[in-house]
Amino acid sequence: MDGPYHGVTEVDVSVCTPSELNPVSLIFTQFTVGQVGTLVRSGCIAAGVTPRDSEDLLIAVSEIVTNAIRYAGGGSITVRRVAGGLLTVVCDSGPGLPDSLMIGRLASEATEWPGLWLARLMCNEFDIASSPSGVTVRMFTPCRAAAGSPAGSGRLGSAEPDDATMHAGDTKL
């Protein structure tokens, strides 16, 4: 299925485990959104993400996927193990975010875009690229060894992904 989701095809996520060499991608709609959670959970397990950080990532992904379904009818998600953790990328082909939305304006996001605000709070690293042809959200979650604390909280962890991996070619809002 080649189309608005950058050539990503549907896969049977029940048999997939993401790796650095083979990221797993899935096209989702309102009818297949349940597969997204399965994909993210298996990615967290494969990357060694702590249970708390896995829950936080699932909440963040749920909020971003809900927005993609609401404003674009669906999108794609890619999960990839990278050095130090798990990189999750959600893309849609919707109208993009309003120009007035600034990355550092959490108070504005909390009232105008509560799902986006919540997702940002739940992730160790969170990056948005938006254009009139869609939105791409990248979320990095550290694995146990990289988390830097016994609790392994992604929100407070010290691990940072390779900057080139997180922001390759994207324009941040």
N, C-alpha and C. Protein backbone atom coordinates (compact mmCIF):
# COMPACT_ATOMS: atom_id res chain seq x y z
N MET A 1 0.85 -1.18 0.00
CA MET A 1 0.00 0.00 0.00
C MET A 1 0.89 1.23 0.00
N ASP A 2 1.12 1.81 -1.15
CA ASP A 2 1.92 3.02 -1.25
C ASP A 2 0.97 4.20 -1.33
N GLY A 3 1.17 5.19 -0.54
CA GLY A 3 0.24 6.29 -0.54
C GLY A 3 0.74 7.42 0.32
N PRO A 4 -0.16 8.05 1.04
CA PRO A 4 0.21 9.24 1.78
C PRO A 4 1.13 8.98 2.96
N TYR A 5 1.41 7.72 3.28
CA TYR A 5 2.22 7.42 4.45
C TYR A 5 3.61 6.96 4.07
N HIS A 6 4.18 7.54 3.06
CA HIS A 6 5.58 7.40 2.71
C HIS A 6 5.97 5.96 2.40
N GLY A 7 5.11 5.20 1.74
CA GLY A 7 5.45 3.85 1.33
C GLY A 7 5.41 2.82 2.44
N VAL A 8 4.94 3.18 3.62
CA VAL A 8 4.85 2.23 4.72
C VAL A 8 3.73 1.26 4.42
N THR A 9 3.97 -0.01 4.67
CA THR A 9 2.94 -1.01 4.43
C THR A 9 2.45 -1.59 5.73
N GLU A 10 1.28 -2.19 5.69
CA GLU A 10 0.75 -2.85 6.89
C GLU A 10 1.51 -4.14 7.12
N VAL A 11 1.76 -4.44 8.40
CA VAL A 11 2.46 -5.66 8.76
C VAL A 11 1.71 -6.35 9.88
N ASP A 12 1.99 -7.62 10.07
CA ASP A 12 1.42 -8.37 11.18
C ASP A 12 2.28 -8.08 12.40
N VAL A 13 1.85 -7.14 13.24
CA VAL A 13 2.67 -6.72 14.37
C VAL A 13 2.80 -7.80 15.43
N SER A 14 1.99 -8.81 15.41
CA SER A 14 2.08 -9.85 16.43
C SER A 14 3.35 -10.69 16.27
N VAL A 15 4.00 -10.65 15.12
CA VAL A 15 5.21 -11.44 14.90
C VAL A 15 6.44 -10.55 14.71
N CYS A 16 6.33 -9.26 14.98
CA CYS A 16 7.42 -8.34 14.71
C CYS A 16 8.10 -7.88 15.99
N THR A 17 9.40 -7.81 15.95
CA THR A 17 10.19 -7.20 17.00
C THR A 17 11.14 -6.22 16.33
N PRO A 18 11.04 -4.94 16.66
CA PRO A 18 11.90 -3.96 16.00
C PRO A 18 13.36 -4.12 16.40
N SER A 19 14.25 -3.84 15.49
CA SER A 19 15.68 -3.85 15.76
C SER A 19 16.28 -2.63 15.09
N GLU A 20 17.58 -2.39 15.37
CA GLU A 20 18.24 -1.25 14.75
C GLU A 20 18.26 -1.39 13.23
N LEU A 21 18.39 -2.61 12.74
CA LEU A 21 18.47 -2.83 11.31
C LEU A 21 17.11 -2.92 10.65
N ASN A 22 16.11 -3.36 11.38
CA ASN A 22 14.79 -3.58 10.81
C ASN A 22 13.71 -2.90 11.62
N PRO A 23 13.52 -1.61 11.43
CA PRO A 23 12.42 -0.96 12.15
C PRO A 23 11.09 -1.54 11.67
N VAL A 24 10.10 -1.49 12.53
CA VAL A 24 8.78 -2.01 12.19
C VAL A 24 7.84 -0.82 12.00
N SER A 25 7.13 -0.80 10.89
CA SER A 25 6.20 0.28 10.57
C SER A 25 4.80 -0.28 10.38
N LEU A 26 3.83 0.56 10.64
CA LEU A 26 2.44 0.17 10.55
C LEU A 26 1.61 1.37 10.12
N ILE A 27 0.70 1.15 9.20
CA ILE A 27 -0.28 2.18 8.86
C ILE A 27 -1.48 1.95 9.77
N PHE A 28 -1.99 3.03 10.36
CA PHE A 28 -3.13 2.88 11.26
C PHE A 28 -4.27 3.80 10.84
N THR A 29 -5.47 3.34 11.17
CA THR A 29 -6.70 4.12 11.02
C THR A 29 -7.48 3.90 12.31
N GLN A 30 -8.68 4.43 12.36
CA GLN A 30 -9.51 4.21 13.55
C GLN A 30 -9.84 2.73 13.73
N PHE A 31 -9.78 1.97 12.66
CA PHE A 31 -10.14 0.55 12.72
C PHE A 31 -8.96 -0.36 13.08
N THR A 32 -7.73 0.17 12.98
CA THR A 32 -6.55 -0.66 13.27
C THR A 32 -5.71 -0.08 14.40
N VAL A 33 -6.25 0.88 15.12
CA VAL A 33 -5.47 1.56 16.14
C VAL A 33 -5.00 0.62 17.25
N GLY A 34 -5.71 -0.47 17.48
CA GLY A 34 -5.30 -1.42 18.52
C GLY A 34 -3.94 -2.04 18.24
N GLN A 35 -3.59 -2.17 16.98
CA GLN A 35 -2.29 -2.73 16.62
C GLN A 35 -1.13 -1.82 17.02
N VAL A 36 -1.40 -0.54 17.15
CA VAL A 36 -0.36 0.42 17.52
C VAL A 36 0.18 0.08 18.91
N GLY A 37 -0.70 -0.16 19.86
CA GLY A 37 -0.27 -0.50 21.22
C GLY A 37 0.57 -1.77 21.25
N THR A 38 0.17 -2.77 20.47
CA THR A 38 0.93 -4.01 20.39
C THR A 38 2.32 -3.77 19.86
N LEU A 39 2.42 -2.95 18.83
CA LEU A 39 3.72 -2.63 18.24
C LEU A 39 4.61 -1.90 19.24
N VAL A 40 4.07 -0.89 19.91
CA VAL A 40 4.86 -0.12 20.87
C VAL A 40 5.29 -0.99 22.04
N ARG A 41 4.38 -1.81 22.57
CA ARG A 41 4.73 -2.71 23.69
C ARG A 41 5.87 -3.65 23.31
N SER A 42 5.78 -4.27 22.13
CA SER A 42 6.83 -5.20 21.73
C SER A 42 8.15 -4.46 21.51
N GLY A 43 8.09 -3.24 21.01
CA GLY A 43 9.31 -2.44 20.86
C GLY A 43 9.94 -2.11 22.20
N CYS A 44 9.12 -1.76 23.17
CA CYS A 44 9.63 -1.45 24.51
C CYS A 44 10.31 -2.67 25.13
N ILE A 45 9.70 -3.82 24.99
CA ILE A 45 10.28 -5.06 25.53
C ILE A 45 11.61 -5.35 24.85
N ALA A 46 11.63 -5.27 23.51
CA ALA A 46 12.84 -5.58 22.75
C ALA A 46 13.98 -4.61 23.08
N ALA A 47 13.66 -3.36 23.36
CA ALA A 47 14.68 -2.36 23.65
C ALA A 47 15.07 -2.32 25.12
N GLY A 48 14.36 -3.04 25.97
CA GLY A 48 14.69 -3.03 27.40
C GLY A 48 14.21 -1.78 28.11
N VAL A 49 13.11 -1.21 27.67
CA VAL A 49 12.53 -0.03 28.30
C VAL A 49 11.84 -0.45 29.59
N THR A 50 11.98 0.34 30.63
CA THR A 50 11.36 0.00 31.92
C THR A 50 9.84 0.00 31.80
N PRO A 51 9.16 -0.75 32.67
CA PRO A 51 7.69 -0.76 32.62
C PRO A 51 7.08 0.64 32.76
N ARG A 52 7.61 1.46 33.65
CA ARG A 52 7.07 2.82 33.83
C ARG A 52 7.22 3.64 32.56
N ASP A 53 8.41 3.58 31.96
CA ASP A 53 8.63 4.34 30.73
C ASP A 53 7.80 3.79 29.58
N SER A 54 7.57 2.46 29.57
CA SER A 54 6.71 1.86 28.55
C SER A 54 5.29 2.41 28.66
N GLU A 55 4.78 2.50 29.89
CA GLU A 55 3.44 3.06 30.11
C GLU A 55 3.38 4.51 29.66
N ASP A 56 4.41 5.28 30.01
CA ASP A 56 4.44 6.69 29.60
C ASP A 56 4.44 6.82 28.08
N LEU A 57 5.24 5.99 27.40
CA LEU A 57 5.30 6.04 25.94
C LEU A 57 3.96 5.63 25.34
N LEU A 58 3.32 4.62 25.89
CA LEU A 58 2.01 4.21 25.38
C LEU A 58 0.98 5.33 25.49
N ILE A 59 1.01 6.07 26.59
CA ILE A 59 0.10 7.22 26.74
C ILE A 59 0.41 8.28 25.69
N ALA A 60 1.70 8.60 25.55
CA ALA A 60 2.10 9.63 24.57
C ALA A 60 1.71 9.22 23.16
N VAL A 61 2.00 7.99 22.79
CA VAL A 61 1.66 7.51 21.44
C VAL A 61 0.15 7.53 21.24
N SER A 62 -0.61 7.13 22.24
CA SER A 62 -2.07 7.16 22.14
C SER A 62 -2.58 8.56 21.84
N GLU A 63 -2.03 9.56 22.51
CA GLU A 63 -2.45 10.94 22.27
C GLU A 63 -2.11 11.40 20.86
N ILE A 64 -0.91 11.09 20.40
CA ILE A 64 -0.47 11.52 19.06
C ILE A 64 -1.26 10.78 17.98
N VAL A 65 -1.47 9.48 18.16
CA VAL A 65 -2.23 8.70 17.19
C VAL A 65 -3.69 9.18 17.14
N THR A 66 -4.26 9.50 18.29
CA THR A 66 -5.63 10.04 18.31
C THR A 66 -5.72 11.32 17.49
N ASN A 67 -4.73 12.21 17.63
CA ASN A 67 -4.72 13.44 16.83
C ASN A 67 -4.59 13.12 15.34
N ALA A 68 -3.72 12.16 15.00
CA ALA A 68 -3.54 11.80 13.59
C ALA A 68 -4.84 11.26 12.99
N ILE A 69 -5.57 10.48 13.77
CA ILE A 69 -6.85 9.96 13.28
C ILE A 69 -7.87 11.09 13.17
N ARG A 70 -7.91 11.95 14.17
CA ARG A 70 -8.89 13.05 14.18
C ARG A 70 -8.66 14.03 13.02
N TYR A 71 -7.41 14.40 12.78
CA TYR A 71 -7.15 15.47 11.80
C TYR A 71 -6.71 14.97 10.43
N ALA A 72 -6.29 13.69 10.33
CA ALA A 72 -5.81 13.20 9.04
C ALA A 72 -6.45 11.87 8.65
N GLY A 73 -7.28 11.30 9.51
CA GLY A 73 -7.91 10.03 9.19
C GLY A 73 -7.03 8.82 9.47
N GLY A 74 -5.81 9.05 9.95
CA GLY A 74 -4.88 7.97 10.24
C GLY A 74 -3.47 8.42 9.99
N GLY A 75 -2.57 7.48 9.93
CA GLY A 75 -1.16 7.81 9.72
C GLY A 75 -0.31 6.56 9.75
N SER A 76 0.96 6.76 10.04
CA SER A 76 1.88 5.63 10.15
C SER A 76 2.70 5.78 11.42
N ILE A 77 3.14 4.65 11.95
CA ILE A 77 4.01 4.64 13.10
C ILE A 77 5.18 3.71 12.78
N THR A 78 6.38 4.13 13.16
CA THR A 78 7.57 3.32 13.00
C THR A 78 8.24 3.23 14.36
N VAL A 79 8.61 2.02 14.75
CA VAL A 79 9.29 1.77 16.01
C VAL A 79 10.64 1.16 15.68
N ARG A 80 11.71 1.74 16.26
CA ARG A 80 13.06 1.28 15.96
C ARG A 80 13.93 1.32 17.21
N ARG A 81 14.61 0.23 17.48
CA ARG A 81 15.61 0.24 18.54
C ARG A 81 16.81 1.03 18.03
N VAL A 82 17.28 1.95 18.84
CA VAL A 82 18.47 2.74 18.52
C VAL A 82 19.40 2.68 19.72
N ALA A 83 20.60 3.19 19.57
CA ALA A 83 21.55 3.19 20.67
C ALA A 83 20.92 3.86 21.88
N GLY A 84 20.82 3.14 22.97
CA GLY A 84 20.30 3.70 24.20
C GLY A 84 18.81 3.62 24.42
N GLY A 85 18.05 3.12 23.44
CA GLY A 85 16.61 3.08 23.68
C GLY A 85 15.77 2.78 22.47
N LEU A 86 14.58 3.39 22.46
CA LEU A 86 13.57 3.14 21.44
C LEU A 86 13.14 4.46 20.82
N LEU A 87 13.16 4.53 19.49
CA LEU A 87 12.69 5.70 18.76
C LEU A 87 11.36 5.35 18.13
N THR A 88 10.33 6.15 18.44
CA THR A 88 9.00 5.95 17.90
C THR A 88 8.64 7.19 17.09
N VAL A 89 8.25 6.98 15.84
CA VAL A 89 7.92 8.09 14.94
C VAL A 89 6.50 7.91 14.42
N VAL A 90 5.67 8.92 14.62
CA VAL A 90 4.29 8.92 14.12
C VAL A 90 4.17 10.01 13.07
N CYS A 91 3.66 9.66 11.89
CA CYS A 91 3.48 10.62 10.79
C CYS A 91 2.03 10.62 10.34
N ASP A 92 1.56 11.78 9.92
CA ASP A 92 0.25 11.84 9.28
C ASP A 92 0.33 12.77 8.09
N SER A 93 -0.71 12.78 7.29
CA SER A 93 -0.78 13.62 6.10
C SER A 93 -1.89 14.66 6.24
N GLY A 94 -2.09 15.12 7.47
CA GLY A 94 -3.13 16.12 7.72
C GLY A 94 -2.66 17.51 7.37
N PRO A 95 -3.40 18.51 7.81
CA PRO A 95 -3.11 19.90 7.45
C PRO A 95 -1.94 20.52 8.21
N GLY A 96 -1.34 19.82 9.14
CA GLY A 96 -0.25 20.38 9.93
C GLY A 96 -0.80 21.14 11.13
N LEU A 97 0.12 21.56 11.98
CA LEU A 97 -0.26 22.31 13.18
C LEU A 97 -0.36 23.80 12.86
N PRO A 98 -1.15 24.53 13.62
CA PRO A 98 -1.25 25.97 13.38
C PRO A 98 0.09 26.65 13.64
N ASP A 99 0.38 27.70 12.86
CA ASP A 99 1.63 28.44 13.01
C ASP A 99 1.77 29.04 14.40
N SER A 100 0.67 29.30 15.06
CA SER A 100 0.73 29.93 16.38
C SER A 100 1.22 28.99 17.48
N LEU A 101 1.27 27.69 17.20
CA LEU A 101 1.70 26.73 18.21
C LEU A 101 3.22 26.71 18.27
N MET A 102 3.77 27.10 19.40
CA MET A 102 5.22 27.12 19.58
C MET A 102 5.62 25.98 20.51
N ILE A 103 6.76 25.36 20.23
CA ILE A 103 7.23 24.21 21.00
C ILE A 103 7.34 24.54 22.49
N GLY A 104 7.84 25.69 22.87
CA GLY A 104 8.08 26.01 24.27
C GLY A 104 6.88 26.53 25.03
N ARG A 105 5.72 26.60 24.40
CA ARG A 105 4.55 27.20 25.03
C ARG A 105 3.64 26.14 25.63
N LEU A 106 4.10 25.50 26.71
CA LEU A 106 3.33 24.43 27.32
C LEU A 106 1.98 24.91 27.84
N ALA A 107 1.90 26.12 28.36
CA ALA A 107 0.62 26.61 28.89
C ALA A 107 -0.41 26.70 27.77
N SER A 108 0.00 27.19 26.61
CA SER A 108 -0.91 27.28 25.47
C SER A 108 -1.32 25.89 24.99
N GLU A 109 -0.35 24.98 24.92
CA GLU A 109 -0.65 23.62 24.49
C GLU A 109 -1.63 22.96 25.44
N ALA A 110 -1.49 23.23 26.73
CA ALA A 110 -2.34 22.56 27.72
C ALA A 110 -3.81 22.89 27.51
N THR A 111 -4.11 24.10 27.05
CA THR A 111 -5.50 24.46 26.85
C THR A 111 -5.97 24.22 25.42
N GLU A 112 -5.11 24.48 24.44
CA GLU A 112 -5.51 24.35 23.04
C GLU A 112 -5.26 22.95 22.47
N TRP A 113 -4.22 22.29 22.92
CA TRP A 113 -3.81 20.98 22.41
C TRP A 113 -3.42 20.08 23.59
N PRO A 114 -4.38 19.69 24.43
CA PRO A 114 -4.03 18.94 25.64
C PRO A 114 -3.33 17.60 25.37
N GLY A 115 -3.68 16.91 24.29
CA GLY A 115 -3.02 15.65 23.99
C GLY A 115 -1.56 15.84 23.64
N LEU A 116 -1.25 16.87 22.88
CA LEU A 116 0.12 17.19 22.52
C LEU A 116 0.92 17.56 23.76
N TRP A 117 0.34 18.35 24.62
CA TRP A 117 0.97 18.76 25.87
C TRP A 117 1.27 17.54 26.74
N LEU A 118 0.30 16.65 26.89
CA LEU A 118 0.49 15.45 27.70
C LEU A 118 1.57 14.55 27.10
N ALA A 119 1.53 14.35 25.80
CA ALA A 119 2.53 13.50 25.15
C ALA A 119 3.94 14.04 25.37
N ARG A 120 4.12 15.34 25.27
CA ARG A 120 5.43 15.95 25.49
C ARG A 120 5.91 15.70 26.92
N LEU A 121 5.01 15.80 27.88
CA LEU A 121 5.39 15.58 29.28
C LEU A 121 5.76 14.13 29.56
N MET A 122 5.22 13.20 28.81
CA MET A 122 5.44 11.78 29.07
C MET A 122 6.72 11.24 28.44
N CYS A 123 7.38 12.01 27.58
CA CYS A 123 8.53 11.51 26.83
C CYS A 123 9.84 12.11 27.28
N ASN A 124 10.89 11.30 27.20
CA ASN A 124 12.24 11.76 27.50
C ASN A 124 12.69 12.78 26.46
N GLU A 125 12.49 12.45 25.21
CA GLU A 125 12.80 13.34 24.09
C GLU A 125 11.58 13.37 23.19
N PHE A 126 11.20 14.57 22.75
CA PHE A 126 9.98 14.75 21.97
C PHE A 126 10.25 15.84 20.95
N ASP A 127 9.96 15.55 19.70
CA ASP A 127 10.24 16.49 18.62
C ASP A 127 9.09 16.48 17.62
N ILE A 128 8.69 17.67 17.17
CA ILE A 128 7.60 17.79 16.20
C ILE A 128 8.10 18.53 14.97
N ALA A 129 7.77 18.00 13.81
CA ALA A 129 7.97 18.71 12.56
C ALA A 129 6.60 18.81 11.90
N SER A 130 6.24 20.02 11.47
CA SER A 130 4.92 20.22 10.89
C SER A 130 5.04 21.04 9.61
N SER A 131 4.20 20.67 8.65
CA SER A 131 4.10 21.41 7.40
C SER A 131 2.66 21.29 6.93
N PRO A 132 2.28 22.02 5.88
CA PRO A 132 0.92 21.88 5.36
C PRO A 132 0.60 20.47 4.85
N SER A 133 1.62 19.64 4.67
CA SER A 133 1.37 18.28 4.18
C SER A 133 1.39 17.23 5.29
N GLY A 134 1.49 17.66 6.56
CA GLY A 134 1.41 16.69 7.64
C GLY A 134 2.29 17.00 8.83
N VAL A 135 2.20 16.13 9.81
CA VAL A 135 2.94 16.27 11.06
C VAL A 135 3.74 14.99 11.29
N THR A 136 4.98 15.16 11.76
CA THR A 136 5.81 14.04 12.18
C THR A 136 6.21 14.28 13.63
N VAL A 137 5.96 13.30 14.48
CA VAL A 137 6.32 13.39 15.89
C VAL A 137 7.31 12.27 16.18
N ARG A 138 8.47 12.64 16.77
CA ARG A 138 9.49 11.66 17.16
C ARG A 138 9.56 11.63 18.68
N MET A 139 9.53 10.41 19.23
CA MET A 139 9.60 10.24 20.68
C MET A 139 10.71 9.24 20.97
N PHE A 140 11.63 9.61 21.85
CA PHE A 140 12.71 8.71 22.25
C PHE A 140 12.50 8.31 23.70
N THR A 141 12.64 7.00 23.96
CA THR A 141 12.51 6.46 25.30
C THR A 141 13.77 5.65 25.60
N PRO A 142 14.48 5.95 26.70
CA PRO A 142 15.72 5.22 26.99
C PRO A 142 15.45 3.80 27.48
N CYS A 143 16.44 2.93 27.26
CA CYS A 143 16.36 1.58 27.81
C CYS A 143 16.88 1.61 29.25
N ARG A 144 16.75 0.49 29.95
CA ARG A 144 17.17 0.43 31.36
C ARG A 144 18.59 0.90 31.56
N ALA A 145 19.52 0.41 30.76
CA ALA A 145 20.93 0.72 30.94
C ALA A 145 21.23 2.19 30.71
N ALA A 146 20.43 2.85 29.86
CA ALA A 146 20.69 4.25 29.53
C ALA A 146 19.87 5.21 30.36
N ALA A 147 18.92 4.71 31.13
CA ALA A 147 18.01 5.60 31.84
C ALA A 147 18.68 6.41 32.92
N GLY A 148 19.74 5.89 33.52
CA GLY A 148 20.49 6.68 34.49
C GLY A 148 19.88 6.75 35.87
N SER A 149 18.82 6.02 36.13
CA SER A 149 18.23 6.03 37.47
C SER A 149 17.54 4.70 37.71
N PRO A 150 17.43 4.29 38.97
CA PRO A 150 16.77 3.03 39.26
C PRO A 150 15.32 3.01 38.77
N ALA A 151 14.63 4.12 38.87
CA ALA A 151 13.24 4.17 38.41
C ALA A 151 13.16 4.18 36.89
N GLY A 152 14.23 4.71 36.23
CA GLY A 152 14.27 4.72 34.78
C GLY A 152 13.26 5.63 34.14
N SER A 153 12.85 6.69 34.82
CA SER A 153 11.81 7.55 34.27
C SER A 153 12.28 8.25 33.02
N GLY A 154 11.57 8.04 31.92
CA GLY A 154 11.89 8.71 30.67
C GLY A 154 11.80 10.22 30.81
N ARG A 155 10.92 10.69 31.66
CA ARG A 155 10.76 12.14 31.81
C ARG A 155 11.94 12.76 32.53
N LEU A 156 12.65 11.99 33.33
CA LEU A 156 13.76 12.54 34.10
C LEU A 156 15.10 11.92 33.73
N GLY A 157 15.11 10.92 32.86
CA GLY A 157 16.34 10.22 32.52
C GLY A 157 17.37 11.12 31.87
N SER A 158 18.65 10.72 31.96
CA SER A 158 19.72 11.55 31.44
C SER A 158 20.15 11.16 30.04
N ALA A 159 19.68 10.04 29.53
CA ALA A 159 20.12 9.58 28.21
C ALA A 159 19.54 10.46 27.12
N GLU A 160 20.35 10.73 26.10
CA GLU A 160 19.87 11.49 24.96
C GLU A 160 20.21 10.73 23.69
N PRO A 161 19.30 10.68 22.74
CA PRO A 161 19.58 9.98 21.48
C PRO A 161 20.53 10.79 20.62
N ASP A 162 21.09 10.11 19.64
CA ASP A 162 21.93 10.77 18.66
C ASP A 162 21.10 11.85 17.97
N ASP A 163 21.57 13.09 17.99
CA ASP A 163 20.79 14.21 17.45
C ASP A 163 20.46 14.02 15.98
N ALA A 164 21.36 13.40 15.22
CA ALA A 164 21.08 13.19 13.81
C ALA A 164 19.91 12.23 13.62
N THR A 165 19.77 11.27 14.52
CA THR A 165 18.66 10.32 14.43
C THR A 165 17.35 11.01 14.73
N MET A 166 17.35 11.89 15.73
CA MET A 166 16.12 12.53 16.15
C MET A 166 15.62 13.58 15.18
N HIS A 167 16.50 14.33 14.54
CA HIS A 167 16.07 15.52 13.81
C HIS A 167 16.47 15.53 12.35
N ALA A 168 16.78 14.40 11.79
CA ALA A 168 17.31 14.36 10.42
C ALA A 168 16.38 15.05 9.44
N GLY A 169 16.79 16.21 8.95
CA GLY A 169 16.08 16.91 7.90
C GLY A 169 14.77 17.56 8.28
N ASP A 170 14.42 17.57 9.54
CA ASP A 170 13.13 18.14 9.94
C ASP A 170 13.29 19.58 10.41
N THR A 171 12.26 20.35 10.16
CA THR A 171 12.19 21.72 10.66
C THR A 171 11.32 21.72 11.89
N LYS A 172 11.91 22.15 13.00
CA LYS A 172 11.15 22.18 14.24
C LYS A 172 10.29 23.43 14.28
N LEU A 173 9.14 23.31 14.91
CA LEU A 173 8.25 24.47 15.07
C LEU A 173 8.85 25.44 16.06
